[in-house]
Amino acid sequence: MADISMDDFMAVDVRVGTVVQAEPYPEARKPAIKIWVDFGDEIGVKKTSAQVTVHYTPETLVGRQVMAVVNFPPRQIGKFMSEVLVLGFPDEDGAIVLATPDKSVPQGGRLH
């Protein structure tokens, strides 16, 4: 993997927000959940879909703080327009575990 500069890193805007709504996305090709994340006053609520159904249900996502890239252009995922990319890591079987802060932090905080 190639090294990147600090400018490259700073170009990726990773913020923390709280899931305020989540619902099943049965129309998706792979099992997914539609998620709405509140990033605070500066960014507002943005939506995405995430293939996180192995470890999460819509009910367990609401109220959870998550990390997401907020400066990607919107992307059409089936009939749903995704506005951010929620971040996670694969477990030993490849199922996604969400990247979250280990303590509650203010909405919209930027990753350093």
PDB file of N, CA and C in Angstrom:
ATOM      1  N   MET A   1       0.850  -1.173   0.000  1.00  0.00           N
ATOM      2  CA  MET A   1       0.000   0.000   0.000  1.00  0.00           C
ATOM      3  C   MET A   1       0.896   1.237   0.000  1.00  0.00           C
ATOM      4  N   ALA A   2       0.543   2.207  -0.801  1.00  0.00           N
ATOM      5  CA  ALA A   2       1.335   3.424  -0.919  1.00  0.00           C
ATOM      6  C   ALA A   2       1.097   4.360   0.264  1.00  0.00           C
ATOM      7  N   ASP A   3       2.138   5.090   0.646  1.00  0.00           N
ATOM      8  CA  ASP A   3       2.002   6.122   1.674  1.00  0.00           C
ATOM      9  C   ASP A   3       1.140   7.255   1.141  1.00  0.00           C
ATOM     10  N   ILE A   4       0.446   7.937   2.057  1.00  0.00           N
ATOM     11  CA  ILE A   4      -0.318   9.127   1.676  1.00  0.00           C
ATOM     12  C   ILE A   4       0.209  10.306   2.474  1.00  0.00           C
ATOM     13  N   SER A   5      -0.117  11.484   2.006  1.00  0.00           N
ATOM     14  CA  SER A   5       0.298  12.703   2.706  1.00  0.00           C
ATOM     15  C   SER A   5      -0.784  13.111   3.701  1.00  0.00           C
ATOM     16  N   MET A   6      -0.437  14.047   4.572  1.00  0.00           N
ATOM     17  CA  MET A   6      -1.424  14.594   5.507  1.00  0.00           C
ATOM     18  C   MET A   6      -2.554  15.270   4.732  1.00  0.00           C
ATOM     19  N   ASP A   7      -2.231  15.909   3.617  1.00  0.00           N
ATOM     20  CA  ASP A   7      -3.269  16.530   2.785  1.00  0.00           C
ATOM     21  C   ASP A   7      -4.249  15.483   2.255  1.00  0.00           C
ATOM     22  N   ASP A   8      -3.721  14.306   1.855  1.00  0.00           N
ATOM     23  CA  ASP A   8      -4.602  13.227   1.401  1.00  0.00           C
ATOM     24  C   ASP A   8      -5.552  12.821   2.525  1.00  0.00           C
ATOM     25  N   PHE A   9      -5.014  12.630   3.725  1.00  0.00           N
ATOM     26  CA  PHE A   9      -5.830  12.244   4.872  1.00  0.00           C
ATOM     27  C   PHE A   9      -6.886  13.304   5.181  1.00  0.00           C
ATOM     28  N   MET A  10      -6.487  14.566   5.172  1.00  0.00           N
ATOM     29  CA  MET A  10      -7.411  15.655   5.507  1.00  0.00           C
ATOM     30  C   MET A  10      -8.512  15.830   4.458  1.00  0.00           C
ATOM     31  N   ALA A  11      -8.308  15.299   3.256  1.00  0.00           N
ATOM     32  CA  ALA A  11      -9.325  15.384   2.211  1.00  0.00           C
ATOM     33  C   ALA A  11     -10.511  14.464   2.504  1.00  0.00           C
ATOM     34  N   VAL A  12     -10.295  13.449   3.340  1.00  0.00           N
ATOM     35  CA  VAL A  12     -11.375  12.527   3.710  1.00  0.00           C
ATOM     36  C   VAL A  12     -12.018  13.053   4.987  1.00  0.00           C
ATOM     37  N   ASP A  13     -13.270  13.468   4.883  1.00  0.00           N
ATOM     38  CA  ASP A  13     -13.977  14.079   6.007  1.00  0.00           C
ATOM     39  C   ASP A  13     -14.773  13.010   6.756  1.00  0.00           C
ATOM     40  N   VAL A  14     -14.179  12.473   7.826  1.00  0.00           N
ATOM     41  CA  VAL A  14     -14.829  11.447   8.646  1.00  0.00           C
ATOM     42  C   VAL A  14     -15.417  12.133   9.873  1.00  0.00           C
ATOM     43  N   ARG A  15     -16.719  11.972  10.057  1.00  0.00           N
ATOM     44  CA  ARG A  15     -17.433  12.595  11.172  1.00  0.00           C
ATOM     45  C   ARG A  15     -18.187  11.551  11.976  1.00  0.00           C
ATOM     46  N   VAL A  16     -18.553  11.931  13.185  1.00  0.00           N
ATOM     47  CA  VAL A  16     -19.362  11.076  14.039  1.00  0.00           C
ATOM     48  C   VAL A  16     -20.784  11.628  14.074  1.00  0.00           C
ATOM     49  N   GLY A  17     -21.734  10.712  14.080  1.00  0.00           N
ATOM     50  CA  GLY A  17     -23.134  11.096  14.178  1.00  0.00           C
ATOM     51  C   GLY A  17     -23.910  10.002  14.877  1.00  0.00           C
ATOM     52  N   THR A  18     -25.166  10.287  15.159  1.00  0.00           N
ATOM     53  CA  THR A  18     -26.031   9.335  15.853  1.00  0.00           C
ATOM     54  C   THR A  18     -27.121   8.855  14.917  1.00  0.00           C
ATOM     55  N   VAL A  19     -27.319   7.553  14.871  1.00  0.00           N
ATOM     56  CA  VAL A  19     -28.387   6.975  14.053  1.00  0.00           C
ATOM     57  C   VAL A  19     -29.722   7.399  14.664  1.00  0.00           C
ATOM     58  N   VAL A  20     -30.545   8.081  13.857  1.00  0.00           N
ATOM     59  CA  VAL A  20     -31.845   8.550  14.335  1.00  0.00           C
ATOM     60  C   VAL A  20     -33.003   7.750  13.744  1.00  0.00           C
ATOM     61  N   GLN A  21     -32.726   7.009  12.673  1.00  0.00           N
ATOM     62  CA  GLN A  21     -33.756   6.178  12.044  1.00  0.00           C
ATOM     63  C   GLN A  21     -33.057   5.045  11.312  1.00  0.00           C
ATOM     64  N   ALA A  22     -33.659   3.878  11.321  1.00  0.00           N
ATOM     65  CA  ALA A  22     -33.130   2.733  10.583  1.00  0.00           C
ATOM     66  C   ALA A  22     -34.302   1.828  10.220  1.00  0.00           C
ATOM     67  N   GLU A  23     -34.221   1.263   9.017  1.00  0.00           N
ATOM     68  CA  GLU A  23     -35.282   0.356   8.582  1.00  0.00           C
ATOM     69  C   GLU A  23     -34.712  -0.680   7.625  1.00  0.00           C
ATOM     70  N   PRO A  24     -35.361  -1.819   7.532  1.00  0.00           N
ATOM     71  CA  PRO A  24     -34.887  -2.852   6.608  1.00  0.00           C
ATOM     72  C   PRO A  24     -34.858  -2.327   5.172  1.00  0.00           C
ATOM     73  N   TYR A  25     -33.991  -2.910   4.367  1.00  0.00           N
ATOM     74  CA  TYR A  25     -33.904  -2.563   2.945  1.00  0.00           C
ATOM     75  C   TYR A  25     -34.032  -3.857   2.136  1.00  0.00           C
ATOM     76  N   PRO A  26     -35.243  -4.416   2.077  1.00  0.00           N
ATOM     77  CA  PRO A  26     -35.438  -5.721   1.427  1.00  0.00           C
ATOM     78  C   PRO A  26     -35.170  -5.704  -0.072  1.00  0.00           C
ATOM     79  N   GLU A  27     -35.211  -4.537  -0.713  1.00  0.00           N
ATOM     80  CA  GLU A  27     -34.983  -4.452  -2.152  1.00  0.00           C
ATOM     81  C   GLU A  27     -33.505  -4.535  -2.524  1.00  0.00           C
ATOM     82  N   ALA A  28     -32.620  -4.410  -1.552  1.00  0.00           N
ATOM     83  CA  ALA A  28     -31.178  -4.437  -1.820  1.00  0.00           C
ATOM     84  C   ALA A  28     -30.758  -5.822  -2.325  1.00  0.00           C
ATOM     85  N   ARG A  29     -29.738  -5.861  -3.192  1.00  0.00           N
ATOM     86  CA  ARG A  29     -29.235  -7.137  -3.714  1.00  0.00           C
ATOM     87  C   ARG A  29     -28.648  -8.003  -2.607  1.00  0.00           C
ATOM     88  N   LYS A  30     -27.913  -7.370  -1.680  1.00  0.00           N
ATOM     89  CA  LYS A  30     -27.379  -8.069  -0.513  1.00  0.00           C
ATOM     90  C   LYS A  30     -28.104  -7.517   0.708  1.00  0.00           C
ATOM     91  N   PRO A  31     -28.318  -8.329   1.751  1.00  0.00           N
ATOM     92  CA  PRO A  31     -29.044  -7.838   2.932  1.00  0.00           C
ATOM     93  C   PRO A  31     -28.439  -6.534   3.457  1.00  0.00           C
ATOM     94  N   ALA A  32     -29.299  -5.544   3.664  1.00  0.00           N
ATOM     95  CA  ALA A  32     -28.844  -4.224   4.099  1.00  0.00           C
ATOM     96  C   ALA A  32     -29.911  -3.542   4.940  1.00  0.00           C
ATOM     97  N   ILE A  33     -29.494  -2.465   5.578  1.00  0.00           N
ATOM     98  CA  ILE A  33     -30.382  -1.632   6.391  1.00  0.00           C
ATOM     99  C   ILE A  33     -30.239  -0.196   5.920  1.00  0.00           C
ATOM    100  N   LYS A  34     -31.364   0.497   5.750  1.00  0.00           N
ATOM    101  CA  LYS A  34     -31.349   1.938   5.472  1.00  0.00           C
ATOM    102  C   LYS A  34     -31.128   2.654   6.798  1.00  0.00           C
ATOM    103  N   ILE A  35     -30.214   3.626   6.796  1.00  0.00           N
ATOM    104  CA  ILE A  35     -29.829   4.303   8.040  1.00  0.00           C
ATOM    105  C   ILE A  35     -29.817   5.812   7.816  1.00  0.00           C
ATOM    106  N   TRP A  36     -30.398   6.545   8.757  1.00  0.00           N
ATOM    107  CA  TRP A  36     -30.335   8.003   8.772  1.00  0.00           C
ATOM    108  C   TRP A  36     -29.496   8.416   9.970  1.00  0.00           C
ATOM    109  N   VAL A  37     -28.457   9.239   9.722  1.00  0.00           N
ATOM    110  CA  VAL A  37     -27.509   9.619  10.764  1.00  0.00           C
ATOM    111  C   VAL A  37     -27.537  11.131  10.932  1.00  0.00           C
ATOM    112  N   ASP A  38     -27.677  11.587  12.177  1.00  0.00           N
ATOM    113  CA  ASP A  38     -27.647  13.022  12.504  1.00  0.00           C
ATOM    114  C   ASP A  38     -26.217  13.412  12.852  1.00  0.00           C
ATOM    115  N   PHE A  39     -25.640  14.296  12.024  1.00  0.00           N
ATOM    116  CA  PHE A  39     -24.279  14.777  12.230  1.00  0.00           C
ATOM    117  C   PHE A  39     -24.243  16.174  12.853  1.00  0.00           C
ATOM    118  N   GLY A  40     -25.353  16.635  13.409  1.00  0.00           N
ATOM    119  CA  GLY A  40     -25.384  17.938  14.056  1.00  0.00           C
ATOM    120  C   GLY A  40     -25.765  19.048  13.098  1.00  0.00           C
ATOM    121  N   ASP A  41     -25.750  20.275  13.617  1.00  0.00           N
ATOM    122  CA  ASP A  41     -26.248  21.429  12.872  1.00  0.00           C
ATOM    123  C   ASP A  41     -25.499  21.714  11.573  1.00  0.00           C
ATOM    124  N   GLU A  42     -24.188  21.549  11.565  1.00  0.00           N
ATOM    125  CA  GLU A  42     -23.393  21.896  10.377  1.00  0.00           C
ATOM    126  C   GLU A  42     -23.717  21.012   9.178  1.00  0.00           C
ATOM    127  N   ILE A  43     -23.890  19.719   9.391  1.00  0.00           N
ATOM    128  CA  ILE A  43     -24.094  18.764   8.298  1.00  0.00           C
ATOM    129  C   ILE A  43     -25.536  18.284   8.222  1.00  0.00           C
ATOM    130  N   GLY A  44     -26.185  18.125   9.360  1.00  0.00           N
ATOM    131  CA  GLY A  44     -27.572  17.674   9.392  1.00  0.00           C
ATOM    132  C   GLY A  44     -27.698  16.163   9.328  1.00  0.00           C
ATOM    133  N   VAL A  45     -28.880  15.711   8.957  1.00  0.00           N
ATOM    134  CA  VAL A  45     -29.171  14.284   8.860  1.00  0.00           C
ATOM    135  C   VAL A  45     -28.883  13.823   7.439  1.00  0.00           C
ATOM    136  N   LYS A  46     -28.097  12.757   7.320  1.00  0.00           N
ATOM    137  CA  LYS A  46     -27.761  12.161   6.029  1.00  0.00           C
ATOM    138  C   LYS A  46     -28.148  10.690   6.065  1.00  0.00           C
ATOM    139  N   LYS A  47     -28.444  10.138   4.880  1.00  0.00           N
ATOM    140  CA  LYS A  47     -28.892   8.747   4.817  1.00  0.00           C
ATOM    141  C   LYS A  47     -27.888   7.893   4.054  1.00  0.00           C
ATOM    142  N   THR A  48     -27.939   6.602   4.342  1.00  0.00           N
ATOM    143  CA  THR A  48     -27.083   5.624   3.681  1.00  0.00           C
ATOM    144  C   THR A  48     -27.723   4.254   3.823  1.00  0.00           C
ATOM    145  N   SER A  49     -27.184   3.300   3.099  1.00  0.00           N
ATOM    146  CA  SER A  49     -27.552   1.912   3.344  1.00  0.00           C
ATOM    147  C   SER A  49     -26.273   1.173   3.708  1.00  0.00           C
ATOM    148  N   ALA A  50     -26.398   0.178   4.568  1.00  0.00           N
ATOM    149  CA  ALA A  50     -25.217  -0.532   5.029  1.00  0.00           C
ATOM    150  C   ALA A  50     -25.514  -2.020   5.139  1.00  0.00           C
ATOM    151  N   GLN A  51     -24.564  -2.831   4.716  1.00  0.00           N
ATOM    152  CA  GLN A  51     -24.692  -4.283   4.796  1.00  0.00           C
ATOM    153  C   GLN A  51     -24.185  -4.751   6.163  1.00  0.00           C
ATOM    154  N   VAL A  52     -24.991  -4.468   7.176  1.00  0.00           N
ATOM    155  CA  VAL A  52     -24.605  -4.751   8.561  1.00  0.00           C
ATOM    156  C   VAL A  52     -25.613  -5.658   9.272  1.00  0.00           C
ATOM    157  N   THR A  53     -26.364  -6.416   8.491  1.00  0.00           N
ATOM    158  CA  THR A  53     -27.473  -7.186   9.069  1.00  0.00           C
ATOM    159  C   THR A  53     -27.049  -8.384   9.902  1.00  0.00           C
ATOM    160  N   VAL A  54     -25.799  -8.815   9.825  1.00  0.00           N
ATOM    161  CA  VAL A  54     -25.350  -9.945  10.644  1.00  0.00           C
ATOM    162  C   VAL A  54     -25.281  -9.552  12.117  1.00  0.00           C
ATOM    163  N   HIS A  55     -24.765  -8.351  12.397  1.00  0.00           N
ATOM    164  CA  HIS A  55     -24.557  -7.931  13.784  1.00  0.00           C
ATOM    165  C   HIS A  55     -25.579  -6.916  14.303  1.00  0.00           C
ATOM    166  N   TYR A  56     -26.402  -6.349  13.415  1.00  0.00           N
ATOM    167  CA  TYR A  56     -27.301  -5.270  13.831  1.00  0.00           C
ATOM    168  C   TYR A  56     -28.684  -5.459  13.226  1.00  0.00           C
ATOM    169  N   THR A  57     -29.671  -4.925  13.926  1.00  0.00           N
ATOM    170  CA  THR A  57     -31.033  -4.799  13.410  1.00  0.00           C
ATOM    171  C   THR A  57     -31.341  -3.308  13.391  1.00  0.00           C
ATOM    172  N   PRO A  58     -32.377  -2.906  12.673  1.00  0.00           N
ATOM    173  CA  PRO A  58     -32.734  -1.481  12.713  1.00  0.00           C
ATOM    174  C   PRO A  58     -32.928  -0.972  14.145  1.00  0.00           C
ATOM    175  N   GLU A  59     -33.525  -1.784  14.991  1.00  0.00           N
ATOM    176  CA  GLU A  59     -33.802  -1.371  16.370  1.00  0.00           C
ATOM    177  C   GLU A  59     -32.519  -1.164  17.176  1.00  0.00           C
ATOM    178  N   THR A  60     -31.507  -1.988  16.949  1.00  0.00           N
ATOM    179  CA  THR A  60     -30.267  -1.848  17.720  1.00  0.00           C
ATOM    180  C   THR A  60     -29.374  -0.738  17.194  1.00  0.00           C
ATOM    181  N   LEU A  61     -29.654  -0.242  15.994  1.00  0.00           N
ATOM    182  CA  LEU A  61     -28.846   0.855  15.438  1.00  0.00           C
ATOM    183  C   LEU A  61     -29.282   2.220  15.941  1.00  0.00           C
ATOM    184  N   VAL A  62     -30.584   2.412  16.144  1.00  0.00           N
ATOM    185  CA  VAL A  62     -31.094   3.728  16.561  1.00  0.00           C
ATOM    186  C   VAL A  62     -30.493   4.107  17.907  1.00  0.00           C
ATOM    187  N   GLY A  63     -29.915   5.314  17.958  1.00  0.00           N
ATOM    188  CA  GLY A  63     -29.279   5.827  19.161  1.00  0.00           C
ATOM    189  C   GLY A  63     -27.783   5.568  19.216  1.00  0.00           C
ATOM    190  N   ARG A  64     -27.266   4.742  18.328  1.00  0.00           N
ATOM    191  CA  ARG A  64     -25.846   4.387  18.307  1.00  0.00           C
ATOM    192  C   ARG A  64     -25.049   5.456  17.555  1.00  0.00           C
ATOM    193  N   GLN A  65     -23.907   5.843  18.101  1.00  0.00           N
ATOM    194  CA  GLN A  65     -23.011   6.744  17.382  1.00  0.00           C
ATOM    195  C   GLN A  65     -22.179   5.930  16.402  1.00  0.00           C
ATOM    196  N   VAL A  66     -22.030   6.460  15.186  1.00  0.00           N
ATOM    197  CA  VAL A  66     -21.257   5.806  14.131  1.00  0.00           C
ATOM    198  C   VAL A  66     -20.325   6.822  13.484  1.00  0.00           C
ATOM    199  N   MET A  67     -19.329   6.302  12.779  1.00  0.00           N
ATOM    200  CA  MET A  67     -18.400   7.145  12.034  1.00  0.00           C
ATOM    201  C   MET A  67     -18.703   6.977  10.550  1.00  0.00           C
ATOM    202  N   ALA A  68     -18.597   8.083   9.793  1.00  0.00           N
ATOM    203  CA  ALA A  68     -18.901   8.006   8.373  1.00  0.00           C
ATOM    204  C   ALA A  68     -18.102   9.044   7.594  1.00  0.00           C
ATOM    205  N   VAL A  69     -17.807   8.710   6.348  1.00  0.00           N
ATOM    206  CA  VAL A  69     -17.231   9.679   5.414  1.00  0.00           C
ATOM    207  C   VAL A  69     -18.397  10.501   4.894  1.00  0.00           C
ATOM    208  N   VAL A  70     -18.320  11.820   5.087  1.00  0.00           N
ATOM    209  CA  VAL A  70     -19.447  12.685   4.710  1.00  0.00           C
ATOM    210  C   VAL A  70     -19.195  13.494   3.444  1.00  0.00           C
ATOM    211  N   ASN A  71     -18.017  13.375   2.842  1.00  0.00           N
ATOM    212  CA  ASN A  71     -17.754  14.193   1.648  1.00  0.00           C
ATOM    213  C   ASN A  71     -17.604  13.386   0.358  1.00  0.00           C
ATOM    214  N   PHE A  72     -18.205  12.189   0.314  1.00  0.00           N
ATOM    215  CA  PHE A  72     -18.338  11.481  -0.958  1.00  0.00           C
ATOM    216  C   PHE A  72     -19.556  12.035  -1.684  1.00  0.00           C
ATOM    217  N   PRO A  73     -19.574  12.007  -3.008  1.00  0.00           N
ATOM    218  CA  PRO A  73     -20.798  12.409  -3.706  1.00  0.00           C
ATOM    219  C   PRO A  73     -21.897  11.386  -3.459  1.00  0.00           C
ATOM    220  N   PRO A  74     -23.166  11.792  -3.514  1.00  0.00           N
ATOM    221  CA  PRO A  74     -24.268  10.837  -3.341  1.00  0.00           C
ATOM    222  C   PRO A  74     -24.151   9.700  -4.357  1.00  0.00           C
ATOM    223  N   ARG A  75     -24.592   8.510  -3.931  1.00  0.00           N
ATOM    224  CA  ARG A  75     -24.490   7.322  -4.782  1.00  0.00           C
ATOM    225  C   ARG A  75     -25.808   6.565  -4.750  1.00  0.00           C
ATOM    226  N   GLN A  76     -26.322   6.241  -5.919  1.00  0.00           N
ATOM    227  CA  GLN A  76     -27.569   5.493  -6.017  1.00  0.00           C
ATOM    228  C   GLN A  76     -27.317   4.029  -5.671  1.00  0.00           C
ATOM    229  N   ILE A  77     -28.011   3.520  -4.651  1.00  0.00           N
ATOM    230  CA  ILE A  77     -27.937   2.117  -4.245  1.00  0.00           C
ATOM    231  C   ILE A  77     -29.331   1.541  -4.462  1.00  0.00           C
ATOM    232  N   GLY A  78     -29.555   0.925  -5.607  1.00  0.00           N
ATOM    233  CA  GLY A  78     -30.898   0.466  -5.945  1.00  0.00           C
ATOM    234  C   GLY A  78     -31.812   1.676  -6.089  1.00  0.00           C
ATOM    235  N   LYS A  79     -32.913   1.660  -5.357  1.00  0.00           N
ATOM    236  CA  LYS A  79     -33.857   2.790  -5.396  1.00  0.00           C
ATOM    237  C   LYS A  79     -33.571   3.815  -4.302  1.00  0.00           C
ATOM    238  N   PHE A  80     -32.452   3.664  -3.607  1.00  0.00           N
ATOM    239  CA  PHE A  80     -32.132   4.500  -2.441  1.00  0.00           C
ATOM    240  C   PHE A  80     -30.874   5.311  -2.720  1.00  0.00           C
ATOM    241  N   MET A  81     -30.914   6.606  -2.426  1.00  0.00           N
ATOM    242  CA  MET A  81     -29.755   7.473  -2.632  1.00  0.00           C
ATOM    243  C   MET A  81     -28.937   7.541  -1.345  1.00  0.00           C
ATOM    244  N   SER A  82     -27.713   7.042  -1.399  1.00  0.00           N
ATOM    245  CA  SER A  82     -26.810   7.057  -0.251  1.00  0.00           C
ATOM    246  C   SER A  82     -26.006   8.347  -0.265  1.00  0.00           C
ATOM    247  N   GLU A  83     -25.970   9.035   0.884  1.00  0.00           N
ATOM    248  CA  GLU A  83     -25.296  10.337   0.968  1.00  0.00           C
ATOM    249  C   GLU A  83     -23.984  10.296   1.747  1.00  0.00           C
ATOM    250  N   VAL A  84     -23.754   9.260   2.526  1.00  0.00           N
ATOM    251  CA  VAL A  84     -22.520   9.112   3.314  1.00  0.00           C
ATOM    252  C   VAL A  84     -22.100   7.644   3.285  1.00  0.00           C
ATOM    253  N   LEU A  85     -20.870   7.383   3.711  1.00  0.00           N
ATOM    254  CA  LEU A  85     -20.375   6.014   3.817  1.00  0.00           C
ATOM    255  C   LEU A  85     -20.087   5.722   5.281  1.00  0.00           C
ATOM    256  N   VAL A  86     -20.940   4.892   5.897  1.00  0.00           N
ATOM    257  CA  VAL A  86     -20.729   4.484   7.277  1.00  0.00           C
ATOM    258  C   VAL A  86     -19.554   3.503   7.288  1.00  0.00           C
ATOM    259  N   LEU A  87     -18.670   3.647   8.277  1.00  0.00           N
ATOM    260  CA  LEU A  87     -17.437   2.870   8.321  1.00  0.00           C
ATOM    261  C   LEU A  87     -17.533   1.668   9.256  1.00  0.00           C
ATOM    262  N   GLY A  88     -16.842   0.617   8.895  1.00  0.00           N
ATOM    263  CA  GLY A  88     -16.807  -0.579   9.719  1.00  0.00           C
ATOM    264  C   GLY A  88     -15.654  -1.473   9.322  1.00  0.00           C
ATOM    265  N   PHE A  89     -15.490  -2.539  10.083  1.00  0.00           N
ATOM    266  CA  PHE A  89     -14.417  -3.503   9.864  1.00  0.00           C
ATOM    267  C   PHE A  89     -15.018  -4.895   9.741  1.00  0.00           C
ATOM    268  N   PRO A  90     -14.430  -5.756   8.907  1.00  0.00           N
ATOM    269  CA  PRO A  90     -14.949  -7.125   8.810  1.00  0.00           C
ATOM    270  C   PRO A  90     -14.530  -7.954  10.024  1.00  0.00           C
ATOM    271  N   ASP A  91     -15.478  -8.765  10.515  1.00  0.00           N
ATOM    272  CA  ASP A  91     -15.117  -9.707  11.570  1.00  0.00           C
ATOM    273  C   ASP A  91     -14.426 -10.914  10.923  1.00  0.00           C
ATOM    274  N   GLU A  92     -14.186 -11.973  11.694  1.00  0.00           N
ATOM    275  CA  GLU A  92     -13.457 -13.134  11.168  1.00  0.00           C
ATOM    276  C   GLU A  92     -14.188 -13.836  10.026  1.00  0.00           C
ATOM    277  N   ASP A  93     -15.507 -13.604   9.907  1.00  0.00           N
ATOM    278  CA  ASP A  93     -16.287 -14.205   8.823  1.00  0.00           C
ATOM    279  C   ASP A  93     -16.600 -13.220   7.698  1.00  0.00           C
ATOM    280  N   GLY A  94     -16.110 -11.974   7.816  1.00  0.00           N
ATOM    281  CA  GLY A  94     -16.341 -10.970   6.789  1.00  0.00           C
ATOM    282  C   GLY A  94     -17.560 -10.092   7.019  1.00  0.00           C
ATOM    283  N   ALA A  95     -18.328 -10.344   8.083  1.00  0.00           N
ATOM    284  CA  ALA A  95     -19.490  -9.506   8.403  1.00  0.00           C
ATOM    285  C   ALA A  95     -19.011  -8.191   9.011  1.00  0.00           C
ATOM    286  N   ILE A  96     -19.672  -7.098   8.666  1.00  0.00           N
ATOM    287  CA  ILE A  96     -19.214  -5.773   9.075  1.00  0.00           C
ATOM    288  C   ILE A  96     -19.622  -5.444  10.512  1.00  0.00           C
ATOM    289  N   VAL A  97     -18.627  -4.956  11.269  1.00  0.00           N
ATOM    290  CA  VAL A  97     -18.806  -4.418  12.617  1.00  0.00           C
ATOM    291  C   VAL A  97     -18.555  -2.921  12.500  1.00  0.00           C
ATOM    292  N   LEU A  98     -19.504  -2.106  12.911  1.00  0.00           N
ATOM    293  CA  LEU A  98     -19.395  -0.663  12.749  1.00  0.00           C
ATOM    294  C   LEU A  98     -18.258  -0.048  13.556  1.00  0.00           C
ATOM    295  N   ALA A  99     -17.622   0.957  12.978  1.00  0.00           N
ATOM    296  CA  ALA A  99     -16.603   1.746  13.674  1.00  0.00           C
ATOM    297  C   ALA A  99     -17.333   2.806  14.492  1.00  0.00           C
ATOM    298  N   THR A 100     -17.094   2.809  15.803  1.00  0.00           N
ATOM    299  CA  THR A 100     -17.785   3.733  16.702  1.00  0.00           C
ATOM    300  C   THR A 100     -16.797   4.283  17.724  1.00  0.00           C
ATOM    301  N   PRO A 101     -17.053   5.499  18.228  1.00  0.00           N
ATOM    302  CA  PRO A 101     -16.207   5.993  19.324  1.00  0.00           C
ATOM    303  C   PRO A 101     -16.502   5.191  20.582  1.00  0.00           C
ATOM    304  N   ASP A 102     -15.508   5.042  21.458  1.00  0.00           N
ATOM    305  CA  ASP A 102     -15.731   4.250  22.674  1.00  0.00           C
ATOM    306  C   ASP A 102     -16.339   5.064  23.803  1.00  0.00           C
ATOM    307  N   LYS A 103     -16.488   6.360  23.596  1.00  0.00           N
ATOM    308  CA  LYS A 103     -17.209   7.242  24.530  1.00  0.00           C
ATOM    309  C   LYS A 103     -18.104   8.148  23.699  1.00  0.00           C
ATOM    310  N   SER A 104     -19.175   8.638  24.290  1.00  0.00           N
ATOM    311  CA  SER A 104     -20.064   9.560  23.594  1.00  0.00           C
ATOM    312  C   SER A 104     -19.322  10.862  23.289  1.00  0.00           C
ATOM    313  N   VAL A 105     -19.442  11.334  22.054  1.00  0.00           N
ATOM    314  CA  VAL A 105     -18.797  12.579  21.627  1.00  0.00           C
ATOM    315  C   VAL A 105     -19.820  13.463  20.936  1.00  0.00           C
ATOM    316  N   PRO A 106     -19.560  14.776  20.835  1.00  0.00           N
ATOM    317  CA  PRO A 106     -20.526  15.671  20.197  1.00  0.00           C
ATOM    318  C   PRO A 106     -20.779  15.299  18.725  1.00  0.00           C
ATOM    319  N   GLN A 107     -22.025  15.459  18.301  1.00  0.00           N
ATOM    320  CA  GLN A 107     -22.423  15.218  16.921  1.00  0.00           C
ATOM    321  C   GLN A 107     -21.563  16.026  15.967  1.00  0.00           C
ATOM    322  N   GLY A 108     -21.167  15.421  14.860  1.00  0.00           N
ATOM    323  CA  GLY A 108     -20.436  16.128  13.817  1.00  0.00           C
ATOM    324  C   GLY A 108     -18.954  16.260  14.064  1.00  0.00           C
ATOM    325  N   GLY A 109     -18.447  15.721  15.181  1.00  0.00           N
ATOM    326  CA  GLY A 109     -17.011  15.803  15.454  1.00  0.00           C
ATOM    327  C   GLY A 109     -16.218  15.139  14.343  1.00  0.00           C
ATOM    328  N   ARG A 110     -15.109  15.765  13.958  1.00  0.00           N
ATOM    329  CA  ARG A 110     -14.287  15.253  12.873  1.00  0.00           C
ATOM    330  C   ARG A 110     -13.174  14.366  13.404  1.00  0.00           C
ATOM    331  N   LEU A 111     -12.907  13.274  12.689  1.00  0.00           N
ATOM    332  CA  LEU A 111     -11.817  12.375  13.043  1.00  0.00           C
ATOM    333  C   LEU A 111     -10.482  13.089  12.877  1.00  0.00           C
ATOM    334  N   HIS A 112      -9.612  12.935  13.860  1.00  0.00           N
ATOM    335  CA  HIS A 112      -8.264  13.533  13.811  1.00  0.00           C
ATOM    336  C   HIS A 112      -7.261  12.448  13.601  1.00  0.00           C
TER     337      HIS A 112
END
